[in-house]
């Protein structure tokens, strides 16, 4: 990732999970870690979310 000032940040994918739409716990901060979370919906019915988390290295 690159921020608007040109700083670069490297992340390694640490987890990929499928959760129901009402699960917000996956977005909670984890003490001692700097995580990036990306989300999308499952196809074809959008019934669940796919969450990919990566940790700053």
PDB file of N, CA and C in Angstrom:
ATOM      1  N   UNK A   1       0.842  -1.157   0.000  1.00  0.00           N
ATOM      2  CA  UNK A   1       0.000   0.000   0.000  1.00  0.00           C
ATOM      3  C   UNK A   1       0.899   1.235   0.000  1.00  0.00           C
ATOM      4  N   UNK A   2       0.403   2.289  -0.639  1.00  0.00           N
ATOM      5  CA  UNK A   2       1.104   3.564  -0.649  1.00  0.00           C
ATOM      6  C   UNK A   2       0.144   4.646  -0.201  1.00  0.00           C
ATOM      7  N   UNK A   3       0.583   5.502   0.739  1.00  0.00           N
ATOM      8  CA  UNK A   3      -0.292   6.581   1.190  1.00  0.00           C
ATOM      9  C   UNK A   3      -0.103   7.823   0.315  1.00  0.00           C
ATOM     10  N   UNK A   4      -0.873   8.851   0.576  1.00  0.00           N
ATOM     11  CA  UNK A   4      -0.848  10.052  -0.258  1.00  0.00           C
ATOM     12  C   UNK A   4       0.478  10.814  -0.178  1.00  0.00           C
ATOM     13  N   UNK A   5       1.271  10.566   0.871  1.00  0.00           N
ATOM     14  CA  UNK A   5       2.577  11.217   1.009  1.00  0.00           C
ATOM     15  C   UNK A   5       3.696  10.394   0.368  1.00  0.00           C
ATOM     16  N   UNK A   6       3.336   9.242  -0.209  1.00  0.00           N
ATOM     17  CA  UNK A   6       4.332   8.395  -0.856  1.00  0.00           C
ATOM     18  C   UNK A   6       4.925   7.329   0.036  1.00  0.00           C
ATOM     19  N   UNK A   7       4.463   7.255   1.304  1.00  0.00           N
ATOM     20  CA  UNK A   7       4.949   6.217   2.206  1.00  0.00           C
ATOM     21  C   UNK A   7       4.447   4.846   1.774  1.00  0.00           C
ATOM     22  N   UNK A   8       5.315   3.842   1.867  1.00  0.00           N
ATOM     23  CA  UNK A   8       4.943   2.485   1.473  1.00  0.00           C
ATOM     24  C   UNK A   8       4.780   1.599   2.693  1.00  0.00           C
ATOM     25  N   UNK A   9       3.776   0.745   2.637  1.00  0.00           N
ATOM     26  CA  UNK A   9       3.475  -0.196   3.717  1.00  0.00           C
ATOM     27  C   UNK A   9       3.291  -1.573   3.100  1.00  0.00           C
ATOM     28  N   UNK A  10       3.942  -2.567   3.676  1.00  0.00           N
ATOM     29  CA  UNK A  10       3.838  -3.929   3.150  1.00  0.00           C
ATOM     30  C   UNK A  10       3.039  -4.789   4.122  1.00  0.00           C
ATOM     31  N   UNK A  11       2.108  -5.531   3.569  1.00  0.00           N
ATOM     32  CA  UNK A  11       1.245  -6.404   4.347  1.00  0.00           C
ATOM     33  C   UNK A  11       1.342  -7.825   3.810  1.00  0.00           C
ATOM     34  N   UNK A  12       1.147  -8.799   4.702  1.00  0.00           N
ATOM     35  CA  UNK A  12       1.090 -10.205   4.333  1.00  0.00           C
ATOM     36  C   UNK A  12      -0.286 -10.711   4.739  1.00  0.00           C
ATOM     37  N   UNK A  13      -0.973 -11.386   3.805  1.00  0.00           N
ATOM     38  CA  UNK A  13      -2.297 -11.921   4.108  1.00  0.00           C
ATOM     39  C   UNK A  13      -2.165 -12.950   5.218  1.00  0.00           C
ATOM     40  N   UNK A  14      -2.975 -12.761   6.275  1.00  0.00           N
ATOM     41  CA  UNK A  14      -2.909 -13.653   7.428  1.00  0.00           C
ATOM     42  C   UNK A  14      -4.170 -14.495   7.598  1.00  0.00           C
ATOM     43  N   UNK A  15      -5.269 -14.060   7.003  1.00  0.00           N
ATOM     44  CA  UNK A  15      -6.525 -14.792   7.188  1.00  0.00           C
ATOM     45  C   UNK A  15      -7.505 -14.451   6.077  1.00  0.00           C
ATOM     46  N   UNK A  16      -8.272 -15.460   5.690  1.00  0.00           N
ATOM     47  CA  UNK A  16      -9.334 -15.276   4.710  1.00  0.00           C
ATOM     48  C   UNK A  16     -10.527 -16.069   5.230  1.00  0.00           C
ATOM     49  N   UNK A  17     -11.623 -15.362   5.563  1.00  0.00           N
ATOM     50  CA  UNK A  17     -12.770 -16.023   6.175  1.00  0.00           C
ATOM     51  C   UNK A  17     -14.065 -15.568   5.519  1.00  0.00           C
ATOM     52  N   UNK A  18     -15.095 -16.409   5.646  1.00  0.00           N
ATOM     53  CA  UNK A  18     -16.441 -16.078   5.182  1.00  0.00           C
ATOM     54  C   UNK A  18     -17.305 -15.924   6.427  1.00  0.00           C
ATOM     55  N   UNK A  19     -17.991 -14.796   6.532  1.00  0.00           N
ATOM     56  CA  UNK A  19     -18.800 -14.502   7.712  1.00  0.00           C
ATOM     57  C   UNK A  19     -20.191 -14.036   7.294  1.00  0.00           C
ATOM     58  N   UNK A  20     -21.180 -14.175   8.189  1.00  0.00           N
ATOM     59  CA  UNK A  20     -22.509 -13.644   7.896  1.00  0.00           C
ATOM     60  C   UNK A  20     -22.477 -12.114   7.919  1.00  0.00           C
ATOM     61  N   UNK A  21     -23.458 -11.465   7.293  1.00  0.00           N
ATOM     62  CA  UNK A  21     -23.446 -10.013   7.196  1.00  0.00           C
ATOM     63  C   UNK A  21     -23.504  -9.283   8.536  1.00  0.00           C
ATOM     64  N   UNK A  22     -24.015  -9.933   9.570  1.00  0.00           N
ATOM     65  CA  UNK A  22     -24.127  -9.256  10.871  1.00  0.00           C
ATOM     66  C   UNK A  22     -22.890  -9.454  11.754  1.00  0.00           C
ATOM     67  N   UNK A  23     -21.889 -10.159  11.275  1.00  0.00           N
ATOM     68  CA  UNK A  23     -20.663 -10.367  12.049  1.00  0.00           C
ATOM     69  C   UNK A  23     -19.762  -9.156  11.880  1.00  0.00           C
ATOM     70  N   UNK A  24     -19.689  -8.339  12.914  1.00  0.00           N
ATOM     71  CA  UNK A  24     -18.817  -7.160  12.882  1.00  0.00           C
ATOM     72  C   UNK A  24     -17.558  -7.372  13.719  1.00  0.00           C
ATOM     73  N   UNK A  25     -17.492  -8.479  14.429  1.00  0.00           N
ATOM     74  CA  UNK A  25     -16.334  -8.778  15.274  1.00  0.00           C
ATOM     75  C   UNK A  25     -15.051  -8.885  14.469  1.00  0.00           C
ATOM     76  N   UNK A  26     -15.156  -9.289  13.207  1.00  0.00           N
ATOM     77  CA  UNK A  26     -13.950  -9.432  12.381  1.00  0.00           C
ATOM     78  C   UNK A  26     -13.288  -8.090  12.119  1.00  0.00           C
ATOM     79  N   UNK A  27     -13.997  -6.986  12.380  1.00  0.00           N
ATOM     80  CA  UNK A  27     -13.442  -5.659  12.150  1.00  0.00           C
ATOM     81  C   UNK A  27     -12.845  -5.044  13.418  1.00  0.00           C
ATOM     82  N   UNK A  28     -12.939  -5.741  14.537  1.00  0.00           N
ATOM     83  CA  UNK A  28     -12.389  -5.229  15.795  1.00  0.00           C
ATOM     84  C   UNK A  28     -10.865  -5.177  15.730  1.00  0.00           C
ATOM     85  N   UNK A  29     -10.259  -4.163  16.356  1.00  0.00           N
ATOM     86  CA  UNK A  29      -8.794  -4.115  16.403  1.00  0.00           C
ATOM     87  C   UNK A  29      -8.233  -5.294  17.206  1.00  0.00           C
ATOM     88  N   UNK A  30      -7.029  -5.708  16.859  1.00  0.00           N
ATOM     89  CA  UNK A  30      -6.339  -6.777  17.575  1.00  0.00           C
ATOM     90  C   UNK A  30      -5.119  -6.142  18.228  1.00  0.00           C
ATOM     91  N   UNK A  31      -5.066  -6.246  19.543  1.00  0.00           N
ATOM     92  CA  UNK A  31      -3.975  -5.616  20.286  1.00  0.00           C
ATOM     93  C   UNK A  31      -2.622  -6.136  19.821  1.00  0.00           C
ATOM     94  N   UNK A  32      -1.716  -5.204  19.562  1.00  0.00           N
ATOM     95  CA  UNK A  32      -0.363  -5.563  19.170  1.00  0.00           C
ATOM     96  C   UNK A  32      -0.185  -5.824  17.685  1.00  0.00           C
ATOM     97  N   UNK A  33      -1.258  -5.679  16.884  1.00  0.00           N
ATOM     98  CA  UNK A  33      -1.156  -5.940  15.451  1.00  0.00           C
ATOM     99  C   UNK A  33      -1.711  -4.754  14.667  1.00  0.00           C
ATOM    100  N   UNK A  34      -1.154  -4.545  13.498  1.00  0.00           N
ATOM    101  CA  UNK A  34      -1.674  -3.543  12.577  1.00  0.00           C
ATOM    102  C   UNK A  34      -2.251  -4.298  11.386  1.00  0.00           C
ATOM    103  N   UNK A  35      -3.588  -4.377  11.324  1.00  0.00           N
ATOM    104  CA  UNK A  35      -4.260  -5.178  10.309  1.00  0.00           C
ATOM    105  C   UNK A  35      -4.958  -4.321   9.270  1.00  0.00           C
ATOM    106  N   UNK A  36      -5.002  -4.839   8.072  1.00  0.00           N
ATOM    107  CA  UNK A  36      -5.753  -4.266   6.971  1.00  0.00           C
ATOM    108  C   UNK A  36      -6.826  -5.287   6.631  1.00  0.00           C
ATOM    109  N   UNK A  37      -8.086  -4.851   6.554  1.00  0.00           N
ATOM    110  CA  UNK A  37      -9.182  -5.763   6.232  1.00  0.00           C
ATOM    111  C   UNK A  37      -9.864  -5.329   4.943  1.00  0.00           C
ATOM    112  N   UNK A  38     -10.038  -6.274   4.040  1.00  0.00           N
ATOM    113  CA  UNK A  38     -10.746  -6.051   2.788  1.00  0.00           C
ATOM    114  C   UNK A  38     -11.981  -6.941   2.793  1.00  0.00           C
ATOM    115  N   UNK A  39     -13.107  -6.393   2.326  1.00  0.00           N
ATOM    116  CA  UNK A  39     -14.356  -7.155   2.342  1.00  0.00           C
ATOM    117  C   UNK A  39     -15.042  -7.112   0.996  1.00  0.00           C
ATOM    118  N   UNK A  40     -15.749  -8.182   0.699  1.00  0.00           N
ATOM    119  CA  UNK A  40     -16.633  -8.234  -0.454  1.00  0.00           C
ATOM    120  C   UNK A  40     -17.749  -9.217  -0.133  1.00  0.00           C
ATOM    121  N   UNK A  41     -18.742  -9.279  -0.968  1.00  0.00           N
ATOM    122  CA  UNK A  41     -19.877 -10.186  -0.754  1.00  0.00           C
ATOM    123  C   UNK A  41     -19.694 -11.453  -1.580  1.00  0.00           C
ATOM    124  N   UNK A  42     -20.309 -12.538  -1.091  1.00  0.00           N
ATOM    125  CA  UNK A  42     -20.257 -13.796  -1.822  1.00  0.00           C
ATOM    126  C   UNK A  42     -21.246 -13.754  -2.983  1.00  0.00           C
ATOM    127  N   UNK A  43     -20.922 -14.494  -3.997  1.00  0.00           N
ATOM    128  CA  UNK A  43     -21.810 -14.609  -5.160  1.00  0.00           C
ATOM    129  C   UNK A  43     -22.479 -15.973  -5.146  1.00  0.00           C
ATOM    130  N   UNK A  44     -23.608 -16.162  -5.713  1.00  0.00           N
ATOM    131  CA  UNK A  44     -24.373 -15.209  -6.503  1.00  0.00           C
ATOM    132  C   UNK A  44     -25.414 -14.436  -5.700  1.00  0.00           C
ATOM    133  N   UNK A  45     -25.587 -14.801  -4.430  1.00  0.00           N
ATOM    134  CA  UNK A  45     -26.723 -14.240  -3.675  1.00  0.00           C
ATOM    135  C   UNK A  45     -26.342 -13.166  -2.654  1.00  0.00           C
ATOM    136  N   UNK A  46     -25.068 -12.858  -2.500  1.00  0.00           N
ATOM    137  CA  UNK A  46     -24.604 -11.836  -1.550  1.00  0.00           C
ATOM    138  C   UNK A  46     -25.030 -12.133  -0.110  1.00  0.00           C
ATOM    139  N   UNK A  47     -25.182 -13.399   0.216  1.00  0.00           N
ATOM    140  CA  UNK A  47     -25.685 -13.791   1.532  1.00  0.00           C
ATOM    141  C   UNK A  47     -24.634 -13.666   2.632  1.00  0.00           C
ATOM    142  N   UNK A  48     -23.368 -13.739   2.275  1.00  0.00           N
ATOM    143  CA  UNK A  48     -22.298 -13.665   3.266  1.00  0.00           C
ATOM    144  C   UNK A  48     -21.210 -12.713   2.764  1.00  0.00           C
ATOM    145  N   UNK A  49     -20.228 -12.454   3.643  1.00  0.00           N
ATOM    146  CA  UNK A  49     -19.106 -11.588   3.278  1.00  0.00           C
ATOM    147  C   UNK A  49     -17.817 -12.387   3.322  1.00  0.00           C
ATOM    148  N   UNK A  50     -16.945 -12.085   2.403  1.00  0.00           N
ATOM    149  CA  UNK A  50     -15.585 -12.620   2.419  1.00  0.00           C
ATOM    150  C   UNK A  50     -14.699 -11.518   2.991  1.00  0.00           C
ATOM    151  N   UNK A  51     -13.944 -11.858   4.032  1.00  0.00           N
ATOM    152  CA  UNK A  51     -13.045 -10.895   4.666  1.00  0.00           C
ATOM    153  C   UNK A  51     -11.617 -11.436   4.535  1.00  0.00           C
ATOM    154  N   UNK A  52     -10.755 -10.615   3.963  1.00  0.00           N
ATOM    155  CA  UNK A  52      -9.334 -10.951   3.853  1.00  0.00           C
ATOM    156  C   UNK A  52      -8.591  -9.984   4.741  1.00  0.00           C
ATOM    157  N   UNK A  53      -7.820 -10.525   5.680  1.00  0.00           N
ATOM    158  CA  UNK A  53      -7.049  -9.684   6.583  1.00  0.00           C
ATOM    159  C   UNK A  53      -5.569  -9.868   6.310  1.00  0.00           C
ATOM    160  N   UNK A  54      -4.842  -8.756   6.366  1.00  0.00           N
ATOM    161  CA  UNK A  54      -3.395  -8.777   6.162  1.00  0.00           C
ATOM    162  C   UNK A  54      -2.741  -8.017   7.297  1.00  0.00           C
ATOM    163  N   UNK A  55      -1.551  -8.470   7.670  1.00  0.00           N
ATOM    164  CA  UNK A  55      -0.828  -7.859   8.791  1.00  0.00           C
ATOM    165  C   UNK A  55       0.379  -7.088   8.271  1.00  0.00           C
ATOM    166  N   UNK A  56       0.587  -5.914   8.823  1.00  0.00           N
ATOM    167  CA  UNK A  56       1.726  -5.069   8.461  1.00  0.00           C
ATOM    168  C   UNK A  56       3.016  -5.773   8.847  1.00  0.00           C
ATOM    169  N   UNK A  57       3.955  -5.824   7.892  1.00  0.00           N
ATOM    170  CA  UNK A  57       5.252  -6.478   8.170  1.00  0.00           C
ATOM    171  C   UNK A  57       6.370  -5.450   8.164  1.00  0.00           C
TER     172      UNK A  57
END
